[in-house]
Amino acid sequence: MRSVYRALACLFAAAALLAAAPLPVSAGPINDKMQKKIEIYKKQTVAWAADPLIVVPVKDANAKGPIPGMWQRKWKELKETDRLVSGVRHMPPASS
C-alpha cells in the first residue's frame, strides 16, 4: 500500500513540476505588413543610435546614474506638468 502512495506522490509531484514549467510562447509568423513596419522601426533605431543629439545626453544620464528617489511607480504617479517630467520632456532629444 505504501508503494501505491509513493507512486501517487511521485506522479503528483511530476504533474506539479510540469504545470509550473514555462512553456515556449509563439506570437505566430510575421506577415509582409508586419515585416515592413519592423524594417521602418529598425531604420529609425539605427538613426537614433547614430544621432549625437540623442546619444550624448543618454550617455551623460547613464554616467550620472538614477535620479534619487525615482523608481518606475513614482514616474507613473507624476503629472505631465511636474517640473521633473517637464524637464525631461523638453530636452532636445525629446522635442526633436
C-alpha atoms as a PDB file:
ATOM      1  CA  MET A   1       0.000   0.000   0.000  1.00  0.00           C
ATOM      2  CA  ARG A   2       2.888   2.343   0.766  1.00  0.00           C
ATOM      3  CA  SER A   3       4.287   1.813  -2.706  1.00  0.00           C
ATOM      4  CA  VAL A   4       0.959   2.969  -4.187  1.00  0.00           C
ATOM      5  CA  TYR A   5       1.075   6.137  -2.089  1.00  0.00           C
ATOM      6  CA  ARG A   6       4.675   6.751  -3.104  1.00  0.00           C
ATOM      7  CA  ALA A   7       3.818   6.232  -6.758  1.00  0.00           C
ATOM      8  CA  LEU A   8       0.899   8.639  -6.476  1.00  0.00           C
ATOM      9  CA  ALA A   9       3.042  11.188  -4.642  1.00  0.00           C
ATOM     10  CA  CYS A  10       5.685  10.978  -7.390  1.00  0.00           C
ATOM     11  CA  LEU A  11       3.003  11.288 -10.064  1.00  0.00           C
ATOM     12  CA  PHE A  12       1.516  14.393  -8.421  1.00  0.00           C
ATOM     13  CA  ALA A  13       4.970  15.910  -7.924  1.00  0.00           C
ATOM     14  CA  ALA A  14       5.839  15.348 -11.577  1.00  0.00           C
ATOM     15  CA  ALA A  15       2.499  16.822 -12.666  1.00  0.00           C
ATOM     16  CA  ALA A  16       3.077  19.876 -10.457  1.00  0.00           C
ATOM     17  CA  LEU A  17       6.549  20.403 -11.934  1.00  0.00           C
ATOM     18  CA  LEU A  18       5.225  20.120 -15.472  1.00  0.00           C
ATOM     19  CA  ALA A  19       2.387  22.536 -14.724  1.00  0.00           C
ATOM     20  CA  ALA A  20       4.811  25.077 -13.255  1.00  0.00           C
ATOM     21  CA  ALA A  21       7.355  24.790 -16.084  1.00  0.00           C
ATOM     22  CA  PRO A  22       7.341  27.714 -18.512  1.00  0.00           C
ATOM     23  CA  LEU A  23       6.108  26.768 -21.944  1.00  0.00           C
ATOM     24  CA  PRO A  24       7.535  28.285 -25.107  1.00  0.00           C
ATOM     25  CA  VAL A  25       5.363  31.081 -26.435  1.00  0.00           C
ATOM     26  CA  SER A  26       4.981  31.943 -30.072  1.00  0.00           C
ATOM     27  CA  ALA A  27       3.293  35.016 -31.460  1.00  0.00           C
ATOM     28  CA  GLY A  28       2.913  33.372 -34.821  1.00  0.00           C
ATOM     29  CA  PRO A  29       4.502  34.121 -38.157  1.00  0.00           C
ATOM     30  CA  ILE A  30       5.394  37.632 -39.254  1.00  0.00           C
ATOM     31  CA  ASN A  31       3.428  38.668 -42.307  1.00  0.00           C
ATOM     32  CA  ASP A  32       4.585  41.117 -45.006  1.00  0.00           C
ATOM     33  CA  LYS A  33       2.727  44.084 -43.483  1.00  0.00           C
ATOM     34  CA  MET A  34       4.356  43.470 -40.111  1.00  0.00           C
ATOM     35  CA  GLN A  35       7.795  42.990 -41.679  1.00  0.00           C
ATOM     36  CA  LYS A  36       7.538  46.378 -43.427  1.00  0.00           C
ATOM     37  CA  LYS A  37       6.803  48.061 -40.086  1.00  0.00           C
ATOM     38  CA  ILE A  38       9.684  46.190 -38.448  1.00  0.00           C
ATOM     39  CA  GLU A  39      12.069  47.409 -41.158  1.00  0.00           C
ATOM     40  CA  ILE A  40      10.906  51.006 -40.633  1.00  0.00           C
ATOM     41  CA  TYR A  41      11.475  50.717 -36.878  1.00  0.00           C
ATOM     42  CA  LYS A  42      14.900  49.169 -37.438  1.00  0.00           C
ATOM     43  CA  LYS A  43      15.954  52.070 -39.677  1.00  0.00           C
ATOM     44  CA  GLN A  44      14.666  54.603 -37.132  1.00  0.00           C
ATOM     45  CA  THR A  45      16.523  52.831 -34.319  1.00  0.00           C
ATOM     46  CA  VAL A  46      19.789  52.875 -36.290  1.00  0.00           C
ATOM     47  CA  ALA A  47      19.315  56.598 -36.978  1.00  0.00           C
ATOM     48  CA  TRP A  48      18.687  57.318 -33.277  1.00  0.00           C
ATOM     49  CA  ALA A  49      21.747  55.286 -32.281  1.00  0.00           C
ATOM     50  CA  ALA A  50      23.920  57.402 -34.598  1.00  0.00           C
ATOM     51  CA  ASP A  51      22.430  60.782 -33.609  1.00  0.00           C
ATOM     52  CA  PRO A  52      24.691  62.658 -31.157  1.00  0.00           C
ATOM     53  CA  LEU A  53      21.682  64.738 -30.071  1.00  0.00           C
ATOM     54  CA  ILE A  54      20.332  61.526 -28.529  1.00  0.00           C
ATOM     55  CA  VAL A  55      23.495  59.557 -27.747  1.00  0.00           C
ATOM     56  CA  VAL A  56      25.356  62.261 -25.774  1.00  0.00           C
ATOM     57  CA  PRO A  57      22.523  63.079 -23.315  1.00  0.00           C
ATOM     58  CA  VAL A  58      21.832  59.374 -22.802  1.00  0.00           C
ATOM     59  CA  LYS A  59      25.495  58.692 -22.029  1.00  0.00           C
ATOM     60  CA  ASP A  60      25.564  61.673 -19.656  1.00  0.00           C
ATOM     61  CA  ALA A  61      22.408  60.482 -17.883  1.00  0.00           C
ATOM     62  CA  ASN A  62      23.783  56.949 -17.608  1.00  0.00           C
ATOM     63  CA  ALA A  63      27.030  58.292 -16.128  1.00  0.00           C
ATOM     64  CA  LYS A  64      25.094  60.304 -13.518  1.00  0.00           C
ATOM     65  CA  GLY A  65      23.026  57.303 -12.507  1.00  0.00           C
ATOM     66  CA  PRO A  66      19.386  57.205 -11.464  1.00  0.00           C
ATOM     67  CA  ILE A  67      17.509  60.238 -10.194  1.00  0.00           C
ATOM     68  CA  PRO A  68      17.432  59.933  -6.395  1.00  0.00           C
ATOM     69  CA  GLY A  69      14.058  58.804  -5.099  1.00  0.00           C
ATOM     70  CA  MET A  70      12.733  57.857  -8.532  1.00  0.00           C
ATOM     71  CA  TRP A  71      11.501  54.419  -9.471  1.00  0.00           C
ATOM     72  CA  GLN A  72       9.021  53.162 -12.041  1.00  0.00           C
ATOM     73  CA  ARG A  73       5.920  53.626  -9.891  1.00  0.00           C
ATOM     74  CA  LYS A  74       6.991  57.161  -8.971  1.00  0.00           C
ATOM     75  CA  TRP A  75       7.318  58.116 -12.650  1.00  0.00           C
ATOM     76  CA  LYS A  76       3.790  56.861 -13.262  1.00  0.00           C
ATOM     77  CA  GLU A  77       2.447  58.902 -10.332  1.00  0.00           C
ATOM     78  CA  LEU A  78       3.880  62.191 -11.610  1.00  0.00           C
ATOM     79  CA  LYS A  79       1.717  64.504 -13.689  1.00  0.00           C
ATOM     80  CA  GLU A  80       2.912  65.824 -17.046  1.00  0.00           C
ATOM     81  CA  THR A  81       3.064  69.313 -15.520  1.00  0.00           C
ATOM     82  CA  ASP A  82       5.525  68.209 -12.815  1.00  0.00           C
ATOM     83  CA  ARG A  83       8.837  70.095 -13.067  1.00  0.00           C
ATOM     84  CA  LEU A  84      10.857  66.889 -13.385  1.00  0.00           C
ATOM     85  CA  VAL A  85       8.660  65.433 -16.132  1.00  0.00           C
ATOM     86  CA  SER A  86       8.535  68.762 -17.949  1.00  0.00           C
ATOM     87  CA  GLY A  87      12.320  68.982 -17.821  1.00  0.00           C
ATOM     88  CA  VAL A  88      12.727  65.550 -19.365  1.00  0.00           C
ATOM     89  CA  ARG A  89      10.028  66.146 -21.974  1.00  0.00           C
ATOM     90  CA  HIS A  90      11.581  69.424 -23.138  1.00  0.00           C
ATOM     91  CA  MET A  91      15.146  68.201 -23.541  1.00  0.00           C
ATOM     92  CA  PRO A  92      16.381  68.465 -27.155  1.00  0.00           C
ATOM     93  CA  PRO A  93      16.136  64.698 -27.886  1.00  0.00           C
ATOM     94  CA  ALA A  94      12.532  64.557 -26.667  1.00  0.00           C
ATOM     95  CA  SER A  95      11.437  67.580 -28.641  1.00  0.00           C
ATOM     96  CA  SER A  96      13.088  66.686 -31.937  1.00  0.00           C
END
